Amino acid sequence: MSEYIHKSHNVSVLLYHLVFPAKYRRAVFDEGVDEVLREVCVAISERYQVKFLEIGTDKDHVHFLVQSVPTYSVTKLVTLIKSLTAREVLRRCPQVKKQLWGGEFWTDGYYASTVGRHGDESKIGTYVRRQGGEYKKLHQDEQLALF
């Protein structure tokens, strides 16, 4: 369960849903790889300001529900988790290295999304509108921009 993280000048609850596919979308996750992945993630939690709330594997990708602090960007979290887990899985599970032709463990890409502890976007908007006396909406983005 997520919790409030109290630091000297802030309190935060930052939750992220991260999805990492295995290289070439290979079905490399089995019980052995899952156990190594779990052990490495627990070790990461002990050494860094990262808490794994949930880890779920499919045959070719992994879902992480992660809580962290504001000083860790999403890119830093992804780099940290990918590098440490890949190194240990490839070291401890030689069969995976053979399946991936001795190369990388993760694809270069990933999926990242923030997760709200107290509700979705509309609930947060309603909460903000109800704070204080008069609420004045300064901006609302109605349409997706083309990049």
N, C-alpha and C. Protein backbone atom coordinates (compact mmCIF):
# COMPACT_ATOMS: atom_id res chain seq x y z
N MET A 1 0.84 -1.18 0.00
CA MET A 1 0.00 0.00 0.00
C MET A 1 0.89 1.24 0.00
N SER A 2 0.51 2.24 -0.77
CA SER A 2 1.29 3.48 -0.82
C SER A 2 1.15 4.22 0.50
N GLU A 3 2.13 5.05 0.77
CA GLU A 3 2.12 5.82 2.01
C GLU A 3 2.70 7.19 1.73
N TYR A 4 2.42 8.12 2.63
CA TYR A 4 2.99 9.46 2.50
C TYR A 4 4.47 9.38 2.85
N ILE A 5 5.31 9.95 1.99
CA ILE A 5 6.75 10.01 2.24
C ILE A 5 7.05 11.41 2.74
N HIS A 6 7.53 11.50 3.96
CA HIS A 6 7.84 12.79 4.59
C HIS A 6 9.34 13.06 4.48
N LYS A 7 9.68 14.16 3.83
CA LYS A 7 11.06 14.63 3.74
C LYS A 7 11.14 15.96 4.48
N SER A 8 12.31 16.58 4.50
CA SER A 8 12.47 17.79 5.30
C SER A 8 11.59 18.95 4.82
N HIS A 9 11.32 19.03 3.52
CA HIS A 9 10.55 20.16 3.01
C HIS A 9 9.35 19.77 2.16
N ASN A 10 8.99 18.51 2.14
CA ASN A 10 7.84 18.11 1.34
C ASN A 10 7.26 16.79 1.82
N VAL A 11 6.02 16.58 1.43
CA VAL A 11 5.33 15.31 1.65
C VAL A 11 4.80 14.90 0.29
N SER A 12 5.02 13.65 -0.08
CA SER A 12 4.59 13.24 -1.42
C SER A 12 4.07 11.82 -1.44
N VAL A 13 3.22 11.58 -2.43
CA VAL A 13 2.76 10.24 -2.76
C VAL A 13 2.81 10.18 -4.29
N LEU A 14 3.94 9.75 -4.82
CA LEU A 14 4.11 9.67 -6.27
C LEU A 14 4.11 8.21 -6.68
N LEU A 15 3.09 7.83 -7.43
CA LEU A 15 2.92 6.45 -7.88
C LEU A 15 3.03 6.38 -9.40
N TYR A 16 3.75 5.38 -9.89
CA TYR A 16 3.93 5.21 -11.32
C TYR A 16 3.60 3.78 -11.74
N HIS A 17 2.97 3.65 -12.88
CA HIS A 17 2.76 2.34 -13.50
C HIS A 17 3.76 2.27 -14.64
N LEU A 18 4.71 1.34 -14.54
CA LEU A 18 5.74 1.18 -15.55
C LEU A 18 5.60 -0.19 -16.21
N VAL A 19 5.76 -0.24 -17.52
CA VAL A 19 5.72 -1.51 -18.24
C VAL A 19 6.99 -1.60 -19.08
N PHE A 20 7.75 -2.70 -18.88
CA PHE A 20 8.98 -2.93 -19.63
C PHE A 20 8.84 -4.22 -20.43
N PRO A 21 8.89 -4.14 -21.75
CA PRO A 21 8.89 -5.36 -22.57
C PRO A 21 10.30 -5.95 -22.64
N ALA A 22 10.37 -7.27 -22.72
CA ALA A 22 11.65 -7.94 -22.93
C ALA A 22 12.12 -7.68 -24.36
N LYS A 23 13.42 -7.74 -24.57
CA LYS A 23 13.99 -7.51 -25.89
C LYS A 23 13.38 -8.48 -26.90
N TYR A 24 13.05 -7.98 -28.05
CA TYR A 24 12.42 -8.73 -29.15
C TYR A 24 11.06 -9.31 -28.76
N ARG A 25 10.51 -8.84 -27.66
CA ARG A 25 9.23 -9.36 -27.13
C ARG A 25 9.30 -10.87 -26.92
N ARG A 26 10.47 -11.35 -26.55
CA ARG A 26 10.65 -12.78 -26.31
C ARG A 26 9.96 -13.18 -25.01
N ALA A 27 9.42 -14.37 -24.98
CA ALA A 27 8.76 -14.91 -23.79
C ALA A 27 9.84 -15.51 -22.87
N VAL A 28 10.52 -14.65 -22.13
CA VAL A 28 11.64 -15.08 -21.30
C VAL A 28 11.29 -15.22 -19.82
N PHE A 29 10.10 -14.80 -19.42
CA PHE A 29 9.76 -14.81 -18.00
C PHE A 29 9.17 -16.16 -17.60
N ASP A 30 9.89 -16.83 -16.73
CA ASP A 30 9.44 -18.09 -16.14
C ASP A 30 9.62 -17.95 -14.63
N GLU A 31 9.42 -19.03 -13.89
CA GLU A 31 9.50 -18.96 -12.43
C GLU A 31 10.88 -18.52 -11.94
N GLY A 32 11.94 -19.00 -12.58
CA GLY A 32 13.30 -18.63 -12.18
C GLY A 32 13.58 -17.16 -12.40
N VAL A 33 13.22 -16.66 -13.58
CA VAL A 33 13.44 -15.25 -13.90
C VAL A 33 12.56 -14.37 -12.99
N ASP A 34 11.32 -14.81 -12.75
CA ASP A 34 10.42 -14.05 -11.87
C ASP A 34 11.01 -13.91 -10.47
N GLU A 35 11.59 -14.97 -9.95
CA GLU A 35 12.17 -14.93 -8.61
C GLU A 35 13.38 -14.00 -8.54
N VAL A 36 14.24 -14.06 -9.54
CA VAL A 36 15.40 -13.16 -9.60
C VAL A 36 14.92 -11.72 -9.68
N LEU A 37 13.93 -11.48 -10.52
CA LEU A 37 13.38 -10.13 -10.67
C LEU A 37 12.83 -9.61 -9.35
N ARG A 38 12.08 -10.45 -8.63
CA ARG A 38 11.53 -10.06 -7.34
C ARG A 38 12.63 -9.75 -6.33
N GLU A 39 13.65 -10.61 -6.26
CA GLU A 39 14.75 -10.41 -5.33
C GLU A 39 15.50 -9.11 -5.61
N VAL A 40 15.75 -8.84 -6.87
CA VAL A 40 16.47 -7.62 -7.24
C VAL A 40 15.65 -6.38 -6.90
N CYS A 41 14.35 -6.44 -7.13
CA CYS A 41 13.48 -5.30 -6.83
C CYS A 41 13.42 -5.04 -5.31
N VAL A 42 13.40 -6.09 -4.53
CA VAL A 42 13.43 -5.93 -3.07
C VAL A 42 14.75 -5.29 -2.65
N ALA A 43 15.85 -5.72 -3.26
CA ALA A 43 17.15 -5.13 -2.96
C ALA A 43 17.21 -3.66 -3.37
N ILE A 44 16.61 -3.31 -4.50
CA ILE A 44 16.55 -1.91 -4.94
C ILE A 44 15.80 -1.09 -3.90
N SER A 45 14.69 -1.63 -3.39
CA SER A 45 13.90 -0.92 -2.37
C SER A 45 14.71 -0.64 -1.11
N GLU A 46 15.61 -1.54 -0.78
CA GLU A 46 16.42 -1.37 0.43
C GLU A 46 17.52 -0.32 0.24
N ARG A 47 17.98 -0.12 -0.99
CA ARG A 47 19.11 0.77 -1.23
C ARG A 47 18.73 2.14 -1.77
N TYR A 48 17.57 2.23 -2.42
CA TYR A 48 17.16 3.48 -3.06
C TYR A 48 15.80 3.89 -2.52
N GLN A 49 15.40 5.11 -2.83
CA GLN A 49 14.11 5.62 -2.38
C GLN A 49 13.02 5.23 -3.38
N VAL A 50 12.87 3.92 -3.54
CA VAL A 50 11.90 3.34 -4.47
C VAL A 50 11.20 2.22 -3.72
N LYS A 51 9.87 2.22 -3.80
CA LYS A 51 9.10 1.16 -3.17
C LYS A 51 8.26 0.48 -4.24
N PHE A 52 8.42 -0.83 -4.38
CA PHE A 52 7.65 -1.60 -5.35
C PHE A 52 6.36 -2.05 -4.68
N LEU A 53 5.24 -1.49 -5.08
CA LEU A 53 3.96 -1.85 -4.51
C LEU A 53 3.43 -3.14 -5.14
N GLU A 54 3.74 -3.34 -6.41
CA GLU A 54 3.31 -4.55 -7.09
C GLU A 54 4.20 -4.79 -8.30
N ILE A 55 4.47 -6.06 -8.56
CA ILE A 55 5.23 -6.47 -9.73
C ILE A 55 4.46 -7.62 -10.36
N GLY A 56 4.18 -7.50 -11.64
CA GLY A 56 3.46 -8.56 -12.34
C GLY A 56 4.12 -8.86 -13.66
N THR A 57 4.29 -10.15 -13.95
CA THR A 57 4.93 -10.52 -15.21
C THR A 57 3.94 -11.22 -16.12
N ASP A 58 4.12 -11.00 -17.39
CA ASP A 58 3.46 -11.77 -18.42
C ASP A 58 4.60 -12.53 -19.09
N LYS A 59 4.37 -13.21 -20.13
CA LYS A 59 5.45 -13.98 -20.75
C LYS A 59 6.53 -13.09 -21.36
N ASP A 60 6.13 -11.91 -21.87
CA ASP A 60 7.10 -11.08 -22.58
C ASP A 60 7.24 -9.65 -22.04
N HIS A 61 6.60 -9.32 -20.92
CA HIS A 61 6.75 -7.99 -20.35
C HIS A 61 6.43 -8.01 -18.85
N VAL A 62 6.81 -6.92 -18.19
CA VAL A 62 6.62 -6.81 -16.74
C VAL A 62 5.90 -5.50 -16.42
N HIS A 63 4.96 -5.56 -15.48
CA HIS A 63 4.28 -4.38 -14.97
C HIS A 63 4.80 -4.09 -13.57
N PHE A 64 5.16 -2.84 -13.32
CA PHE A 64 5.59 -2.41 -12.00
C PHE A 64 4.66 -1.31 -11.51
N LEU A 65 4.23 -1.37 -10.27
CA LEU A 65 3.57 -0.26 -9.61
C LEU A 65 4.57 0.22 -8.57
N VAL A 66 5.11 1.43 -8.80
CA VAL A 66 6.25 1.92 -8.05
C VAL A 66 5.91 3.24 -7.38
N GLN A 67 6.38 3.40 -6.14
CA GLN A 67 6.27 4.68 -5.44
C GLN A 67 7.68 5.22 -5.24
N SER A 68 7.84 6.52 -5.44
CA SER A 68 9.16 7.12 -5.29
C SER A 68 9.04 8.55 -4.76
N VAL A 69 10.15 9.24 -4.74
CA VAL A 69 10.22 10.61 -4.22
C VAL A 69 10.37 11.59 -5.39
N PRO A 70 10.08 12.87 -5.18
CA PRO A 70 10.15 13.85 -6.27
C PRO A 70 11.54 14.04 -6.88
N THR A 71 12.59 13.72 -6.14
CA THR A 71 13.94 13.91 -6.68
C THR A 71 14.29 12.86 -7.74
N TYR A 72 13.51 11.79 -7.85
CA TYR A 72 13.73 10.77 -8.87
C TYR A 72 12.77 11.02 -10.03
N SER A 73 13.29 11.38 -11.18
CA SER A 73 12.45 11.54 -12.35
C SER A 73 12.03 10.16 -12.87
N VAL A 74 11.06 10.15 -13.75
CA VAL A 74 10.61 8.88 -14.33
C VAL A 74 11.77 8.23 -15.09
N THR A 75 12.52 9.03 -15.81
CA THR A 75 13.67 8.51 -16.56
C THR A 75 14.69 7.88 -15.63
N LYS A 76 14.96 8.53 -14.51
CA LYS A 76 15.91 7.98 -13.55
C LYS A 76 15.41 6.66 -12.96
N LEU A 77 14.11 6.60 -12.64
CA LEU A 77 13.53 5.36 -12.13
C LEU A 77 13.65 4.23 -13.14
N VAL A 78 13.29 4.52 -14.38
CA VAL A 78 13.33 3.51 -15.43
C VAL A 78 14.76 3.02 -15.64
N THR A 79 15.71 3.94 -15.71
CA THR A 79 17.11 3.58 -15.91
C THR A 79 17.62 2.73 -14.76
N LEU A 80 17.30 3.13 -13.55
CA LEU A 80 17.72 2.40 -12.36
C LEU A 80 17.18 0.98 -12.35
N ILE A 81 15.89 0.85 -12.55
CA ILE A 81 15.24 -0.47 -12.50
C ILE A 81 15.70 -1.36 -13.66
N LYS A 82 15.73 -0.79 -14.87
CA LYS A 82 16.13 -1.59 -16.02
C LYS A 82 17.57 -2.08 -15.91
N SER A 83 18.48 -1.20 -15.53
CA SER A 83 19.89 -1.58 -15.52
C SER A 83 20.18 -2.64 -14.46
N LEU A 84 19.68 -2.45 -13.25
CA LEU A 84 19.98 -3.40 -12.18
C LEU A 84 19.30 -4.75 -12.39
N THR A 85 18.04 -4.73 -12.84
CA THR A 85 17.35 -6.00 -13.06
C THR A 85 17.96 -6.76 -14.24
N ALA A 86 18.29 -6.06 -15.32
CA ALA A 86 18.87 -6.72 -16.49
C ALA A 86 20.21 -7.36 -16.14
N ARG A 87 21.05 -6.63 -15.43
CA ARG A 87 22.37 -7.17 -15.08
C ARG A 87 22.25 -8.45 -14.27
N GLU A 88 21.36 -8.44 -13.28
CA GLU A 88 21.22 -9.61 -12.42
C GLU A 88 20.51 -10.78 -13.10
N VAL A 89 19.49 -10.50 -13.90
CA VAL A 89 18.80 -11.59 -14.59
C VAL A 89 19.75 -12.27 -15.58
N LEU A 90 20.50 -11.50 -16.33
CA LEU A 90 21.43 -12.09 -17.30
C LEU A 90 22.56 -12.84 -16.60
N ARG A 91 22.96 -12.38 -15.42
CA ARG A 91 24.03 -13.05 -14.68
C ARG A 91 23.54 -14.35 -14.04
N ARG A 92 22.34 -14.32 -13.45
CA ARG A 92 21.83 -15.47 -12.70
C ARG A 92 21.05 -16.48 -13.55
N CYS A 93 20.58 -16.07 -14.69
CA CYS A 93 19.78 -16.95 -15.55
C CYS A 93 20.43 -17.06 -16.93
N PRO A 94 21.44 -17.91 -17.08
CA PRO A 94 22.15 -17.99 -18.36
C PRO A 94 21.28 -18.42 -19.54
N GLN A 95 20.18 -19.13 -19.27
CA GLN A 95 19.30 -19.55 -20.37
C GLN A 95 18.65 -18.34 -21.05
N VAL A 96 18.43 -17.27 -20.29
CA VAL A 96 17.84 -16.06 -20.87
C VAL A 96 18.83 -15.40 -21.82
N LYS A 97 20.09 -15.39 -21.42
CA LYS A 97 21.12 -14.80 -22.27
C LYS A 97 21.19 -15.53 -23.61
N LYS A 98 21.01 -16.85 -23.60
CA LYS A 98 21.01 -17.63 -24.84
C LYS A 98 19.79 -17.30 -25.70
N GLN A 99 18.62 -17.13 -25.04
CA GLN A 99 17.40 -16.79 -25.79
C GLN A 99 17.50 -15.43 -26.46
N LEU A 100 18.23 -14.52 -25.82
CA LEU A 100 18.36 -13.16 -26.35
C LEU A 100 19.66 -12.97 -27.13
N TRP A 101 20.31 -14.06 -27.51
CA TRP A 101 21.53 -14.03 -28.31
C TRP A 101 22.65 -13.24 -27.62
N GLY A 102 22.68 -13.30 -26.29
CA GLY A 102 23.75 -12.64 -25.54
C GLY A 102 23.63 -11.13 -25.49
N GLY A 103 22.51 -10.59 -25.91
CA GLY A 103 22.36 -9.14 -25.99
C GLY A 103 21.69 -8.53 -24.77
N GLU A 104 20.92 -7.51 -25.02
CA GLU A 104 20.24 -6.77 -23.96
C GLU A 104 19.03 -7.55 -23.46
N PHE A 105 18.61 -7.22 -22.23
CA PHE A 105 17.46 -7.89 -21.65
C PHE A 105 16.16 -7.16 -21.95
N TRP A 106 16.15 -5.83 -21.81
CA TRP A 106 14.94 -5.02 -22.02
C TRP A 106 14.99 -4.33 -23.38
N THR A 107 13.82 -4.00 -23.92
CA THR A 107 13.77 -3.14 -25.11
C THR A 107 14.17 -1.74 -24.68
N ASP A 108 14.44 -0.88 -25.65
CA ASP A 108 14.80 0.49 -25.33
C ASP A 108 13.59 1.28 -24.83
N GLY A 109 12.40 0.91 -25.28
CA GLY A 109 11.19 1.64 -24.92
C GLY A 109 10.57 1.15 -23.63
N TYR A 110 9.59 1.91 -23.16
CA TYR A 110 8.84 1.54 -21.97
C TYR A 110 7.55 2.34 -21.94
N TYR A 111 6.63 1.94 -21.10
CA TYR A 111 5.39 2.68 -20.87
C TYR A 111 5.43 3.19 -19.44
N ALA A 112 5.09 4.47 -19.25
CA ALA A 112 5.05 5.05 -17.91
C ALA A 112 3.78 5.89 -17.77
N SER A 113 3.13 5.74 -16.62
CA SER A 113 1.92 6.50 -16.35
C SER A 113 1.88 6.82 -14.86
N THR A 114 1.37 7.99 -14.54
CA THR A 114 1.18 8.31 -13.13
C THR A 114 -0.12 7.68 -12.66
N VAL A 115 -0.17 7.35 -11.40
CA VAL A 115 -1.34 6.72 -10.81
C VAL A 115 -1.79 7.58 -9.65
N GLY A 116 -3.07 7.93 -9.62
CA GLY A 116 -3.59 8.73 -8.52
C GLY A 116 -3.98 7.89 -7.33
N ARG A 117 -3.63 8.36 -6.16
CA ARG A 117 -3.98 7.64 -4.95
C ARG A 117 -5.43 7.90 -4.56
N HIS A 118 -5.89 9.11 -4.84
CA HIS A 118 -7.21 9.53 -4.37
C HIS A 118 -8.26 9.62 -5.46
N GLY A 119 -7.98 9.16 -6.63
CA GLY A 119 -9.00 9.19 -7.67
C GLY A 119 -8.46 9.61 -9.01
N ASP A 120 -9.37 9.74 -9.95
CA ASP A 120 -8.97 10.09 -11.30
C ASP A 120 -8.97 11.61 -11.49
N GLU A 121 -8.73 12.01 -12.71
CA GLU A 121 -8.61 13.43 -13.04
C GLU A 121 -9.85 14.23 -12.68
N SER A 122 -11.04 13.71 -12.94
CA SER A 122 -12.28 14.45 -12.66
C SER A 122 -12.49 14.61 -11.15
N LYS A 123 -12.16 13.59 -10.37
CA LYS A 123 -12.31 13.69 -8.91
C LYS A 123 -11.37 14.75 -8.34
N ILE A 124 -10.15 14.80 -8.84
CA ILE A 124 -9.19 15.80 -8.37
C ILE A 124 -9.68 17.20 -8.76
N GLY A 125 -10.22 17.35 -9.98
CA GLY A 125 -10.76 18.65 -10.40
C GLY A 125 -11.89 19.11 -9.50
N THR A 126 -12.80 18.21 -9.15
CA THR A 126 -13.91 18.52 -8.25
C THR A 126 -13.38 18.92 -6.88
N TYR A 127 -12.39 18.21 -6.39
CA TYR A 127 -11.79 18.53 -5.09
C TYR A 127 -11.18 19.93 -5.10
N VAL A 128 -10.45 20.27 -6.17
CA VAL A 128 -9.82 21.59 -6.28
C VAL A 128 -10.89 22.67 -6.32
N ARG A 129 -11.99 22.46 -7.07
CA ARG A 129 -13.05 23.46 -7.18
C ARG A 129 -13.73 23.72 -5.84
N ARG A 130 -13.80 22.73 -4.99
CA ARG A 130 -14.50 22.87 -3.71
C ARG A 130 -13.64 23.47 -2.61
N GLN A 131 -12.37 23.70 -2.87
CA GLN A 131 -11.49 24.29 -1.86
C GLN A 131 -11.69 25.80 -1.85
N GLY A 132 -11.70 26.39 -0.67
CA GLY A 132 -11.78 27.84 -0.56
C GLY A 132 -13.14 28.41 -0.92
N GLY A 133 -13.20 29.73 -1.10
CA GLY A 133 -14.46 30.42 -1.35
C GLY A 133 -14.91 30.37 -2.78
N GLU A 134 -14.31 31.19 -3.63
CA GLU A 134 -14.73 31.26 -5.02
C GLU A 134 -13.68 30.61 -5.91
N TYR A 135 -14.14 29.71 -6.74
CA TYR A 135 -13.24 29.02 -7.66
C TYR A 135 -13.33 29.69 -9.02
N LYS A 136 -12.21 30.00 -9.59
CA LYS A 136 -12.17 30.61 -10.91
C LYS A 136 -11.27 29.76 -11.81
N LYS A 137 -11.88 29.19 -12.83
CA LYS A 137 -11.12 28.34 -13.75
C LYS A 137 -10.33 29.23 -14.70
N LEU A 138 -9.01 29.08 -14.68
CA LEU A 138 -8.15 29.89 -15.53
C LEU A 138 -7.83 29.21 -16.86
N HIS A 139 -7.87 27.89 -16.87
CA HIS A 139 -7.51 27.17 -18.09
C HIS A 139 -8.09 25.77 -18.04
N GLN A 140 -8.53 25.30 -19.19
CA GLN A 140 -8.94 23.90 -19.34
C GLN A 140 -8.60 23.48 -20.75
N ASP A 141 -7.81 22.44 -20.86
CA ASP A 141 -7.41 21.94 -22.17
C ASP A 141 -8.47 20.98 -22.66
N GLU A 142 -9.14 21.32 -23.77
CA GLU A 142 -10.25 20.54 -24.28
C GLU A 142 -9.85 19.58 -25.39
N GLN A 143 -8.75 19.87 -26.08
CA GLN A 143 -8.42 19.09 -27.27
C GLN A 143 -6.95 18.72 -27.24
N LEU A 144 -6.64 17.56 -27.76
CA LEU A 144 -5.26 17.14 -27.85
C LEU A 144 -4.54 17.97 -28.91
N ALA A 145 -3.33 18.33 -28.61
CA ALA A 145 -2.53 19.10 -29.55
C ALA A 145 -1.80 18.15 -30.49
N LEU A 146 -1.59 18.58 -31.70
CA LEU A 146 -0.80 17.82 -32.64
C LEU A 146 0.64 18.26 -32.53
N PHE A 147 1.53 17.30 -32.32
CA PHE A 147 2.95 17.66 -32.14
C PHE A 147 3.70 17.59 -33.42
